[in-house]
Amino acid sequence: MTADERVSSLLTKHAAIDHAIDEENQRPHPDDLRIHELKREKLRIKDEIAGHDSHV
């Protein structure tokens, strides 16, 4: 997988997590722990994307 493909994959995952967070927040009783875990994963992906951008 090339660097561009990896970044594209990460961006797709980032968007999917964003969507999952929005869906969880729309529930009558959102699961705060689930939201926290999703946000942590989203941040990890963001950091990985930034790491790839710095190597270009």
PDB file of N, CA and C in Angstrom:
ATOM      1  N   MET A   1       0.853  -1.174   0.000  1.00  0.00           N
ATOM      2  CA  MET A   1       0.000   0.000   0.000  1.00  0.00           C
ATOM      3  C   MET A   1       0.899   1.238   0.000  1.00  0.00           C
ATOM      4  N   THR A   2       0.616   2.146  -0.912  1.00  0.00           N
ATOM      5  CA  THR A   2       1.399   3.376  -0.976  1.00  0.00           C
ATOM      6  C   THR A   2       0.982   4.310   0.157  1.00  0.00           C
ATOM      7  N   ALA A   3       1.787   5.333   0.366  1.00  0.00           N
ATOM      8  CA  ALA A   3       1.490   6.307   1.423  1.00  0.00           C
ATOM      9  C   ALA A   3       0.163   7.013   1.145  1.00  0.00           C
ATOM     10  N   ASP A   4      -0.081   7.357  -0.121  1.00  0.00           N
ATOM     11  CA  ASP A   4      -1.335   8.025  -0.480  1.00  0.00           C
ATOM     12  C   ASP A   4      -2.540   7.127  -0.223  1.00  0.00           C
ATOM     13  N   GLU A   5      -2.391   5.836  -0.523  1.00  0.00           N
ATOM     14  CA  GLU A   5      -3.474   4.888  -0.273  1.00  0.00           C
ATOM     15  C   GLU A   5      -3.726   4.749   1.232  1.00  0.00           C
ATOM     16  N   ARG A   6      -2.654   4.728   1.989  1.00  0.00           N
ATOM     17  CA  ARG A   6      -2.780   4.613   3.448  1.00  0.00           C
ATOM     18  C   ARG A   6      -3.503   5.823   4.021  1.00  0.00           C
ATOM     19  N   VAL A   7      -3.125   7.012   3.589  1.00  0.00           N
ATOM     20  CA  VAL A   7      -3.774   8.236   4.069  1.00  0.00           C
ATOM     21  C   VAL A   7      -5.246   8.236   3.655  1.00  0.00           C
ATOM     22  N   SER A   8      -5.535   7.815   2.444  1.00  0.00           N
ATOM     23  CA  SER A   8      -6.911   7.751   1.975  1.00  0.00           C
ATOM     24  C   SER A   8      -7.721   6.791   2.847  1.00  0.00           C
ATOM     25  N   SER A   9      -7.142   5.650   3.167  1.00  0.00           N
ATOM     26  CA  SER A   9      -7.794   4.670   4.035  1.00  0.00           C
ATOM     27  C   SER A   9      -8.052   5.259   5.421  1.00  0.00           C
ATOM     28  N   LEU A  10      -7.064   5.964   5.953  1.00  0.00           N
ATOM     29  CA  LEU A  10      -7.211   6.582   7.271  1.00  0.00           C
ATOM     30  C   LEU A  10      -8.296   7.662   7.267  1.00  0.00           C
ATOM     31  N   LEU A  11      -8.361   8.428   6.192  1.00  0.00           N
ATOM     32  CA  LEU A  11      -9.391   9.469   6.091  1.00  0.00           C
ATOM     33  C   LEU A  11     -10.784   8.846   6.050  1.00  0.00           C
ATOM     34  N   THR A  12     -10.905   7.719   5.369  1.00  0.00           N
ATOM     35  CA  THR A  12     -12.180   7.018   5.313  1.00  0.00           C
ATOM     36  C   THR A  12     -12.570   6.526   6.701  1.00  0.00           C
ATOM     37  N   LYS A  13     -11.616   5.945   7.430  1.00  0.00           N
ATOM     38  CA  LYS A  13     -11.880   5.473   8.790  1.00  0.00           C
ATOM     39  C   LYS A  13     -12.250   6.644   9.699  1.00  0.00           C
ATOM     40  N   HIS A  14     -11.548   7.754   9.549  1.00  0.00           N
ATOM     41  CA  HIS A  14     -11.798   8.949  10.354  1.00  0.00           C
ATOM     42  C   HIS A  14     -13.235   9.427  10.144  1.00  0.00           C
ATOM     43  N   ALA A  15     -13.672   9.463   8.885  1.00  0.00           N
ATOM     44  CA  ALA A  15     -15.036   9.897   8.570  1.00  0.00           C
ATOM     45  C   ALA A  15     -16.067   8.912   9.136  1.00  0.00           C
ATOM     46  N   ALA A  16     -15.771   7.628   9.061  1.00  0.00           N
ATOM     47  CA  ALA A  16     -16.689   6.614   9.589  1.00  0.00           C
ATOM     48  C   ALA A  16     -16.832   6.749  11.105  1.00  0.00           C
ATOM     49  N   ILE A  17     -15.738   7.023  11.779  1.00  0.00           N
ATOM     50  CA  ILE A  17     -15.793   7.208  13.227  1.00  0.00           C
ATOM     51  C   ILE A  17     -16.582   8.464  13.563  1.00  0.00           C
ATOM     52  N   ASP A  18     -16.387   9.515  12.798  1.00  0.00           N
ATOM     53  CA  ASP A  18     -17.144  10.752  12.994  1.00  0.00           C
ATOM     54  C   ASP A  18     -18.644  10.470  12.884  1.00  0.00           C
ATOM     55  N   HIS A  19     -19.010   9.678  11.893  1.00  0.00           N
ATOM     56  CA  HIS A  19     -20.407   9.304  11.689  1.00  0.00           C
ATOM     57  C   HIS A  19     -20.921   8.483  12.878  1.00  0.00           C
ATOM     58  N   ALA A  20     -20.114   7.546  13.348  1.00  0.00           N
ATOM     59  CA  ALA A  20     -20.508   6.715  14.489  1.00  0.00           C
ATOM     60  C   ALA A  20     -20.719   7.564  15.743  1.00  0.00           C
ATOM     61  N   ILE A  21     -19.865   8.567  15.936  1.00  0.00           N
ATOM     62  CA  ILE A  21     -20.021   9.480  17.080  1.00  0.00           C
ATOM     63  C   ILE A  21     -21.342  10.239  16.961  1.00  0.00           C
ATOM     64  N   ASP A  22     -21.631  10.755  15.769  1.00  0.00           N
ATOM     65  CA  ASP A  22     -22.885  11.480  15.548  1.00  0.00           C
ATOM     66  C   ASP A  22     -24.092  10.583  15.824  1.00  0.00           C
ATOM     67  N   GLU A  23     -24.029   9.336  15.341  1.00  0.00           N
ATOM     68  CA  GLU A  23     -25.134   8.405  15.565  1.00  0.00           C
ATOM     69  C   GLU A  23     -25.320   8.122  17.059  1.00  0.00           C
ATOM     70  N   GLU A  24     -24.225   7.920  17.749  1.00  0.00           N
ATOM     71  CA  GLU A  24     -24.305   7.633  19.184  1.00  0.00           C
ATOM     72  C   GLU A  24     -24.907   8.826  19.935  1.00  0.00           C
ATOM     73  N   ASN A  25     -24.531  10.033  19.539  1.00  0.00           N
ATOM     74  CA  ASN A  25     -25.058  11.234  20.191  1.00  0.00           C
ATOM     75  C   ASN A  25     -26.549  11.431  19.929  1.00  0.00           C
ATOM     76  N   GLN A  26     -27.073  10.840  18.853  1.00  0.00           N
ATOM     77  CA  GLN A  26     -28.489  10.973  18.515  1.00  0.00           C
ATOM     78  C   GLN A  26     -29.361   9.997  19.297  1.00  0.00           C
ATOM     79  N   ARG A  27     -28.765   8.998  19.920  1.00  0.00           N
ATOM     80  CA  ARG A  27     -29.525   8.017  20.691  1.00  0.00           C
ATOM     81  C   ARG A  27     -30.144   8.695  21.919  1.00  0.00           C
ATOM     82  N   PRO A  28     -31.267   8.165  22.382  1.00  0.00           N
ATOM     83  CA  PRO A  28     -31.904   8.746  23.585  1.00  0.00           C
ATOM     84  C   PRO A  28     -30.967   8.763  24.799  1.00  0.00           C
ATOM     85  N   HIS A  29     -30.152   7.727  24.956  1.00  0.00           N
ATOM     86  CA  HIS A  29     -29.211   7.659  26.075  1.00  0.00           C
ATOM     87  C   HIS A  29     -27.836   7.287  25.523  1.00  0.00           C
ATOM     88  N   PRO A  30     -27.091   8.280  25.016  1.00  0.00           N
ATOM     89  CA  PRO A  30     -25.779   7.986  24.426  1.00  0.00           C
ATOM     90  C   PRO A  30     -24.845   7.313  25.429  1.00  0.00           C
ATOM     91  N   ASP A  31     -24.052   6.405  24.935  1.00  0.00           N
ATOM     92  CA  ASP A  31     -23.066   5.696  25.745  1.00  0.00           C
ATOM     93  C   ASP A  31     -21.792   6.549  25.787  1.00  0.00           C
ATOM     94  N   ASP A  32     -21.579   7.223  26.915  1.00  0.00           N
ATOM     95  CA  ASP A  32     -20.432   8.127  27.040  1.00  0.00           C
ATOM     96  C   ASP A  32     -19.102   7.402  26.882  1.00  0.00           C
ATOM     97  N   LEU A  33     -19.013   6.188  27.384  1.00  0.00           N
ATOM     98  CA  LEU A  33     -17.777   5.416  27.247  1.00  0.00           C
ATOM     99  C   LEU A  33     -17.504   5.110  25.782  1.00  0.00           C
ATOM    100  N   ARG A  34     -18.531   4.721  25.040  1.00  0.00           N
ATOM    101  CA  ARG A  34     -18.377   4.426  23.600  1.00  0.00           C
ATOM    102  C   ARG A  34     -17.925   5.689  22.868  1.00  0.00           C
ATOM    103  N   ILE A  35     -18.534   6.810  23.180  1.00  0.00           N
ATOM    104  CA  ILE A  35     -18.160   8.074  22.527  1.00  0.00           C
ATOM    105  C   ILE A  35     -16.706   8.405  22.840  1.00  0.00           C
ATOM    106  N   HIS A  36     -16.305   8.219  24.084  1.00  0.00           N
ATOM    107  CA  HIS A  36     -14.927   8.491  24.484  1.00  0.00           C
ATOM    108  C   HIS A  36     -13.948   7.599  23.702  1.00  0.00           C
ATOM    109  N   GLU A  37     -14.274   6.317  23.582  1.00  0.00           N
ATOM    110  CA  GLU A  37     -13.415   5.391  22.835  1.00  0.00           C
ATOM    111  C   GLU A  37     -13.331   5.777  21.363  1.00  0.00           C
ATOM    112  N   LEU A  38     -14.461   6.150  20.788  1.00  0.00           N
ATOM    113  CA  LEU A  38     -14.474   6.565  19.382  1.00  0.00           C
ATOM    114  C   LEU A  38     -13.632   7.819  19.177  1.00  0.00           C
ATOM    115  N   LYS A  39     -13.758   8.764  20.079  1.00  0.00           N
ATOM    116  CA  LYS A  39     -12.980  10.002  19.961  1.00  0.00           C
ATOM    117  C   LYS A  39     -11.487   9.726  20.104  1.00  0.00           C
ATOM    118  N   ARG A  40     -11.129   8.806  20.995  1.00  0.00           N
ATOM    119  CA  ARG A  40      -9.721   8.437  21.167  1.00  0.00           C
ATOM    120  C   ARG A  40      -9.176   7.813  19.877  1.00  0.00           C
ATOM    121  N   GLU A  41      -9.948   6.921  19.264  1.00  0.00           N
ATOM    122  CA  GLU A  41      -9.528   6.290  18.015  1.00  0.00           C
ATOM    123  C   GLU A  41      -9.431   7.322  16.890  1.00  0.00           C
ATOM    124  N   LYS A  42     -10.378   8.238  16.854  1.00  0.00           N
ATOM    125  CA  LYS A  42     -10.366   9.301  15.840  1.00  0.00           C
ATOM    126  C   LYS A  42      -9.102  10.158  15.975  1.00  0.00           C
ATOM    127  N   LEU A  43      -8.723  10.470  17.204  1.00  0.00           N
ATOM    128  CA  LEU A  43      -7.513  11.257  17.450  1.00  0.00           C
ATOM    129  C   LEU A  43      -6.259  10.478  17.047  1.00  0.00           C
ATOM    130  N   ARG A  44      -6.234   9.171  17.333  1.00  0.00           N
ATOM    131  CA  ARG A  44      -5.101   8.336  16.946  1.00  0.00           C
ATOM    132  C   ARG A  44      -4.928   8.335  15.430  1.00  0.00           C
ATOM    133  N   ILE A  45      -6.045   8.239  14.713  1.00  0.00           N
ATOM    134  CA  ILE A  45      -5.997   8.253  13.255  1.00  0.00           C
ATOM    135  C   ILE A  45      -5.537   9.616  12.759  1.00  0.00           C
ATOM    136  N   LYS A  46      -6.032  10.676  13.367  1.00  0.00           N
ATOM    137  CA  LYS A  46      -5.629  12.034  12.978  1.00  0.00           C
ATOM    138  C   LYS A  46      -4.113  12.207  13.147  1.00  0.00           C
ATOM    139  N   ASP A  47      -3.585  11.707  14.263  1.00  0.00           N
ATOM    140  CA  ASP A  47      -2.149  11.789  14.500  1.00  0.00           C
ATOM    141  C   ASP A  47      -1.367  10.992  13.458  1.00  0.00           C
ATOM    142  N   GLU A  48      -1.884   9.819  13.086  1.00  0.00           N
ATOM    143  CA  GLU A  48      -1.204   9.005  12.073  1.00  0.00           C
ATOM    144  C   GLU A  48      -1.215   9.713  10.716  1.00  0.00           C
ATOM    145  N   ILE A  49      -2.336  10.346  10.377  1.00  0.00           N
ATOM    146  CA  ILE A  49      -2.422  11.094   9.122  1.00  0.00           C
ATOM    147  C   ILE A  49      -1.406  12.230   9.148  1.00  0.00           C
ATOM    148  N   ALA A  50      -1.335  12.948  10.259  1.00  0.00           N
ATOM    149  CA  ALA A  50      -0.382  14.056  10.376  1.00  0.00           C
ATOM    150  C   ALA A  50       1.045  13.555  10.227  1.00  0.00           C
ATOM    151  N   GLY A  51       1.330  12.376  10.752  1.00  0.00           N
ATOM    152  CA  GLY A  51       2.666  11.795  10.625  1.00  0.00           C
ATOM    153  C   GLY A  51       3.008  11.497   9.181  1.00  0.00           C
ATOM    154  N   HIS A  52       2.025  11.035   8.407  1.00  0.00           N
ATOM    155  CA  HIS A  52       2.256  10.764   6.994  1.00  0.00           C
ATOM    156  C   HIS A  52       2.470  12.063   6.230  1.00  0.00           C
ATOM    157  N   ASP A  53       1.699  13.096   6.588  1.00  0.00           N
ATOM    158  CA  ASP A  53       1.836  14.389   5.904  1.00  0.00           C
ATOM    159  C   ASP A  53       3.206  15.013   6.144  1.00  0.00           C
ATOM    160  N   SER A  54       3.794  14.784   7.302  1.00  0.00           N
ATOM    161  CA  SER A  54       5.095  15.381   7.603  1.00  0.00           C
ATOM    162  C   SER A  54       6.226  14.696   6.850  1.00  0.00           C
ATOM    163  N   HIS A  55       5.974  13.466   6.341  1.00  0.00           N
ATOM    164  CA  HIS A  55       6.998  12.740   5.599  1.00  0.00           C
ATOM    165  C   HIS A  55       7.008  13.062   4.113  1.00  0.00           C
ATOM    166  N   VAL A  56       6.031  13.828   3.666  1.00  0.00           N
ATOM    167  CA  VAL A  56       5.913  14.142   2.231  1.00  0.00           C
ATOM    168  C   VAL A  56       6.771  15.306   1.867  1.00  0.00           C
TER     169      VAL A  56
END
